[in-house]
N, C-alpha and C. Protein backbone atom coordinates (compact mmCIF):
# COMPACT_ATOMS: atom_id res chain seq x y z
N MET A 1 -2.73 6.95 -16.86
CA MET A 1 -1.68 6.40 -16.00
C MET A 1 -1.26 7.50 -15.01
N ASN A 2 -1.30 7.17 -13.70
CA ASN A 2 -0.90 8.17 -12.71
C ASN A 2 0.62 8.25 -12.59
N GLU A 3 1.09 9.22 -11.82
CA GLU A 3 2.54 9.45 -11.69
C GLU A 3 3.27 8.23 -11.11
N TRP A 4 2.64 7.55 -10.15
CA TRP A 4 3.29 6.39 -9.56
C TRP A 4 3.34 5.24 -10.55
N ASP A 5 2.29 5.06 -11.36
CA ASP A 5 2.33 4.03 -12.40
C ASP A 5 3.49 4.30 -13.35
N LYS A 6 3.68 5.57 -13.70
CA LYS A 6 4.79 5.94 -14.60
C LYS A 6 6.13 5.59 -13.95
N ARG A 7 6.27 5.97 -12.68
CA ARG A 7 7.55 5.70 -11.98
C ARG A 7 7.83 4.20 -11.91
N TYR A 8 6.83 3.42 -11.57
CA TYR A 8 7.03 1.99 -11.41
C TYR A 8 7.06 1.23 -12.73
N SER A 9 6.75 1.89 -13.84
CA SER A 9 6.80 1.24 -15.15
C SER A 9 8.22 1.04 -15.65
N GLU A 10 9.16 1.72 -15.04
CA GLU A 10 10.56 1.57 -15.45
C GLU A 10 11.03 0.15 -15.11
N SER A 11 12.04 -0.31 -15.83
CA SER A 11 12.55 -1.66 -15.55
C SER A 11 13.19 -1.71 -14.17
N GLY A 12 13.20 -2.86 -13.60
CA GLY A 12 13.76 -3.02 -12.26
C GLY A 12 12.80 -2.50 -11.20
N TYR A 13 13.30 -2.40 -9.99
CA TYR A 13 12.49 -1.94 -8.85
C TYR A 13 13.01 -0.57 -8.41
N ALA A 14 12.13 0.40 -8.34
CA ALA A 14 12.50 1.79 -8.06
C ALA A 14 13.31 1.93 -6.77
N TYR A 15 12.95 1.17 -5.75
CA TYR A 15 13.64 1.26 -4.46
C TYR A 15 14.38 -0.03 -4.12
N GLY A 16 14.55 -0.88 -5.09
CA GLY A 16 15.23 -2.15 -4.87
C GLY A 16 14.27 -3.21 -4.34
N THR A 17 14.81 -4.35 -3.98
CA THR A 17 13.99 -5.46 -3.50
C THR A 17 14.22 -5.77 -2.02
N GLU A 18 15.16 -5.10 -1.41
CA GLU A 18 15.43 -5.28 0.01
C GLU A 18 14.55 -4.33 0.81
N PRO A 19 14.14 -4.71 2.03
CA PRO A 19 13.31 -3.82 2.84
C PRO A 19 14.06 -2.55 3.22
N ASN A 20 13.30 -1.52 3.57
CA ASN A 20 13.99 -0.30 3.99
C ASN A 20 14.72 -0.55 5.31
N ASP A 21 15.74 0.23 5.57
CA ASP A 21 16.61 0.00 6.73
C ASP A 21 15.84 0.06 8.05
N PHE A 22 14.91 1.01 8.18
CA PHE A 22 14.16 1.14 9.42
C PHE A 22 13.38 -0.14 9.72
N LEU A 23 12.70 -0.66 8.72
CA LEU A 23 11.92 -1.88 8.91
C LEU A 23 12.84 -3.05 9.24
N LYS A 24 13.92 -3.17 8.53
CA LYS A 24 14.86 -4.26 8.73
C LYS A 24 15.39 -4.27 10.17
N GLN A 25 15.63 -3.09 10.72
CA GLN A 25 16.18 -2.99 12.06
C GLN A 25 15.11 -3.11 13.16
N ASN A 26 13.84 -2.86 12.82
CA ASN A 26 12.81 -2.77 13.86
C ASN A 26 11.63 -3.73 13.71
N PHE A 27 11.63 -4.60 12.71
CA PHE A 27 10.47 -5.45 12.47
C PHE A 27 10.13 -6.33 13.67
N SER A 28 11.13 -6.69 14.44
CA SER A 28 10.87 -7.59 15.57
C SER A 28 10.04 -6.94 16.67
N THR A 29 9.86 -5.64 16.62
CA THR A 29 9.02 -4.96 17.60
C THR A 29 7.54 -5.00 17.22
N ILE A 30 7.24 -5.47 16.01
CA ILE A 30 5.86 -5.59 15.55
C ILE A 30 5.32 -6.93 16.03
N GLN A 31 4.19 -6.89 16.69
CA GLN A 31 3.58 -8.12 17.20
C GLN A 31 3.31 -9.08 16.05
N ARG A 32 3.64 -10.36 16.24
CA ARG A 32 3.40 -11.38 15.21
C ARG A 32 1.91 -11.47 14.91
N GLY A 33 1.61 -11.69 13.66
CA GLY A 33 0.22 -11.84 13.23
C GLY A 33 -0.02 -11.07 11.95
N LYS A 34 -1.17 -10.44 11.86
CA LYS A 34 -1.57 -9.74 10.64
C LYS A 34 -0.98 -8.33 10.60
N VAL A 35 -0.53 -7.95 9.41
CA VAL A 35 0.04 -6.61 9.18
C VAL A 35 -0.61 -6.02 7.93
N LEU A 36 -1.01 -4.76 8.03
CA LEU A 36 -1.52 -4.03 6.87
C LEU A 36 -0.43 -3.06 6.45
N SER A 37 0.04 -3.22 5.23
CA SER A 37 1.09 -2.36 4.70
C SER A 37 0.48 -1.45 3.64
N ILE A 38 0.31 -0.18 3.99
CA ILE A 38 -0.30 0.77 3.05
C ILE A 38 0.78 1.51 2.28
N THR A 39 0.43 1.98 1.11
CA THR A 39 1.37 2.61 0.17
C THR A 39 2.62 1.74 0.02
N GLU A 40 2.40 0.48 -0.24
CA GLU A 40 3.46 -0.52 -0.26
C GLU A 40 4.40 -0.39 -1.45
N GLY A 41 3.95 0.18 -2.54
CA GLY A 41 4.82 0.25 -3.71
C GLY A 41 5.01 -1.12 -4.32
N GLU A 42 6.23 -1.45 -4.66
CA GLU A 42 6.53 -2.68 -5.40
C GLU A 42 6.70 -3.91 -4.51
N GLY A 43 6.44 -3.78 -3.23
CA GLY A 43 6.35 -4.95 -2.38
C GLY A 43 7.54 -5.34 -1.52
N ARG A 44 8.61 -4.59 -1.58
CA ARG A 44 9.82 -5.04 -0.87
C ARG A 44 9.62 -5.21 0.62
N ASN A 45 8.88 -4.31 1.26
CA ASN A 45 8.67 -4.42 2.70
C ASN A 45 7.65 -5.51 3.04
N ALA A 46 6.61 -5.62 2.25
CA ALA A 46 5.60 -6.66 2.48
C ALA A 46 6.20 -8.05 2.31
N VAL A 47 7.00 -8.23 1.29
CA VAL A 47 7.65 -9.53 1.06
C VAL A 47 8.57 -9.88 2.22
N PHE A 48 9.33 -8.91 2.66
CA PHE A 48 10.23 -9.14 3.80
C PHE A 48 9.44 -9.59 5.03
N LEU A 49 8.36 -8.87 5.35
CA LEU A 49 7.56 -9.22 6.52
C LEU A 49 6.93 -10.61 6.37
N ALA A 50 6.46 -10.93 5.18
CA ALA A 50 5.88 -12.25 4.95
C ALA A 50 6.92 -13.34 5.17
N LYS A 51 8.14 -13.11 4.74
CA LYS A 51 9.21 -14.08 4.94
C LYS A 51 9.56 -14.26 6.41
N GLN A 52 9.25 -13.24 7.22
CA GLN A 52 9.50 -13.31 8.66
C GLN A 52 8.34 -13.99 9.40
N GLY A 53 7.29 -14.35 8.67
CA GLY A 53 6.17 -15.07 9.27
C GLY A 53 4.92 -14.26 9.52
N TYR A 54 4.92 -13.00 9.12
CA TYR A 54 3.73 -12.18 9.29
C TYR A 54 2.72 -12.48 8.18
N GLN A 55 1.45 -12.28 8.47
CA GLN A 55 0.39 -12.39 7.47
C GLN A 55 0.15 -10.98 6.94
N VAL A 56 0.61 -10.69 5.75
CA VAL A 56 0.65 -9.32 5.24
C VAL A 56 -0.43 -9.08 4.18
N THR A 57 -1.14 -7.98 4.36
CA THR A 57 -2.01 -7.45 3.32
C THR A 57 -1.38 -6.13 2.88
N ALA A 58 -1.03 -6.04 1.61
CA ALA A 58 -0.36 -4.85 1.10
C ALA A 58 -1.27 -4.16 0.09
N ILE A 59 -1.34 -2.83 0.17
CA ILE A 59 -2.14 -2.07 -0.79
C ILE A 59 -1.32 -0.91 -1.33
N ASP A 60 -1.65 -0.51 -2.54
CA ASP A 60 -1.02 0.64 -3.17
C ASP A 60 -1.97 1.17 -4.23
N SER A 61 -1.85 2.45 -4.55
CA SER A 61 -2.72 3.05 -5.57
C SER A 61 -2.26 2.74 -6.98
N SER A 62 -1.05 2.22 -7.12
CA SER A 62 -0.49 1.94 -8.44
C SER A 62 -0.67 0.46 -8.80
N ILE A 63 -1.44 0.20 -9.81
CA ILE A 63 -1.61 -1.19 -10.28
C ILE A 63 -0.30 -1.75 -10.81
N VAL A 64 0.53 -0.90 -11.38
CA VAL A 64 1.84 -1.34 -11.87
C VAL A 64 2.68 -1.84 -10.69
N ALA A 65 2.68 -1.09 -9.58
CA ALA A 65 3.43 -1.50 -8.40
C ALA A 65 2.90 -2.80 -7.83
N ILE A 66 1.59 -2.94 -7.77
CA ILE A 66 0.99 -4.16 -7.25
C ILE A 66 1.40 -5.37 -8.09
N ASN A 67 1.38 -5.20 -9.40
CA ASN A 67 1.79 -6.30 -10.28
C ASN A 67 3.25 -6.68 -10.05
N LYS A 68 4.11 -5.69 -9.84
CA LYS A 68 5.52 -5.98 -9.58
C LYS A 68 5.70 -6.64 -8.22
N ALA A 69 4.90 -6.24 -7.24
CA ALA A 69 4.96 -6.87 -5.92
C ALA A 69 4.59 -8.34 -6.02
N GLU A 70 3.58 -8.64 -6.81
CA GLU A 70 3.19 -10.05 -7.00
C GLU A 70 4.30 -10.84 -7.67
N GLN A 71 5.04 -10.22 -8.58
CA GLN A 71 6.17 -10.90 -9.23
C GLN A 71 7.30 -11.13 -8.25
N LEU A 72 7.47 -10.19 -7.31
CA LEU A 72 8.53 -10.30 -6.33
C LEU A 72 8.29 -11.45 -5.35
N ALA A 73 7.04 -11.77 -5.13
CA ALA A 73 6.71 -12.80 -4.13
C ALA A 73 5.75 -13.84 -4.67
N PRO A 74 6.14 -14.57 -5.70
CA PRO A 74 5.20 -15.53 -6.28
C PRO A 74 4.81 -16.67 -5.34
N SER A 75 5.65 -17.03 -4.41
CA SER A 75 5.33 -18.16 -3.55
C SER A 75 4.74 -17.74 -2.21
N ILE A 76 4.61 -16.45 -1.99
CA ILE A 76 4.07 -15.97 -0.71
C ILE A 76 2.64 -15.50 -0.94
N ARG A 77 1.70 -16.20 -0.38
CA ARG A 77 0.26 -15.83 -0.51
C ARG A 77 -0.45 -16.25 0.73
């Protein structure tokens, strides 16, 4: 288990479920369409973007984080 898997194995979401402030304030400057979100973690930013209508592909090196991201957005695919 890598360090990020250990961090994300804790209960709850390490950084919460709301998008980070920068993204929340600036997402409208991103052209609508496909977005690649790298080092996504537990999915808070990817879920937010998907809810805004973007087609998001999110990746992370932590399988634990990816699993939590999928739990955060069960209806967004």
